[in-house]
Amino acid sequence: MFTRRDWMKTAAVSGVAVSAFPRRSWAAPSADDLKGVVDKALAFLKGAQQAGGDFFPKAGEPGLTALIVAALLRNGVPADNAVVAKSVAYLEKNVQKDGGVYQKGQANYMTNLALMTFKELNTGGKYDKIIDSGVKFVKGLQNDGDPKSLEHGGVGYDGKGRPDLSNTHFMVEALLAAGVNKDDPSIKKALVFVSRTQNLKSEFNDQPFATKTADEDAGGFVYNPADQDDEKSKKRTAAGGLRSEGAMTYAGLKSFLYAGVGKDDPRVKAAIGWVRKHYSVTENPGLKDSGLFYYYSTFAKAMDALGEEPFVDAKGEKHDWRQELFDQLKKTQKADGSWANANPAFLEGVPVLATAFALMAISYCKKK
């Protein structure tokens, strides 16, 4: 949700093994358990909210506030709640004349998060105009040049710069949430880029790194396929391939499922195969605790869309993933209701950010 560059810069001035919890039933958390955890988080956020309705003015706004509002709404907190209402007023003030919802940068991230939030709030068409303008703005940021170009269909932090999967999966989710049809050219083009971030040599991915994939990376996804050309990149393998990452794999899988790509599609099957081998609710596979709460949010959305209950891993173990994820988050919630990552990468050491991602993940832990 923030650029890696900005996250590390702001953090500077702000001065495991796969785990399984086998269960006999697949009941997911009880309503009382969910409410208890969410109420504690809401109390924390009430105290952390700034006078203007935002939560962390040093970086990532208004996107962070949008994420918090959407997570609270999805967890049953009403729109007229004082914390929510104050933040919504702040978001409305950040709608720009060009249709974007941002401040100084990261316009794609910020606007996509805001789009999803305004959609949650759009009772009676109240925010139709803002949503429609936001959709046009986001579509205008997408790389839509030469279809053979690696950048085609992707989007970067502020638009037509270097695209990456993190920005692109948020765009796909936001556009679809806003009512854009799955067959819309913007979605079709986005899936071209998403396919090129997968460690899978196929008709959909002609990138050199996909031919040098290690067995442990097969089917997973990478953050930026352009890393294949950077010999100094830590993402590269000795053979010249790219390492798959947990959060990015769930981002790619989610994008395919949300966009209506079938489970029998080789890209989806390969992604699920990677997930079966690397299933975890205690680490972000490939990155350990780095970006862990971002991982939890993306994991929950993708697993919910997949709809496999229980989820069976590569060892044949069955997982009530909703309960397992909730148990892990409940266990790591702090006494004040917040979460924070001991690894400060990507600003997840900042409690309001980790709490936003945790609450979004929890909103998908409810039994369907």
Foldseek 3Di string as FASTA:
>chain_A
DFDLVLLVVLCVVPVDAFDADFDPDLQFDDLVLLVVLLVLQVLLLVVQADPQLPRDVSDDPPLLLLLQLLLCVLSPDDCPDPSNVSNVVSQVVQQDPQLFRDDDWLRLNRRLSNLLSVLSVCPPNPCVVSNVSSLVSNLQQQAPPDLVDLRWLFGPSHGDDQGWLVSLLSNLVSCVSSPNALPDPSLVRSLLNLLCFALDDDPSHPDPLNVQDDPLRWLAGDTHSVCLVPPPDPQADPSSHGHGKQQSLLSSLLSCLSSPNDCPPPSNVRSLLSCLARPHLQATPPHGLACNLSNLLSVLSSCLSVPDVQRQHPVRGTHSPLNVNSVVLVVQQDPSSWHAGPDCRSNSNPGSNSRSSSSSSNSSSHDD
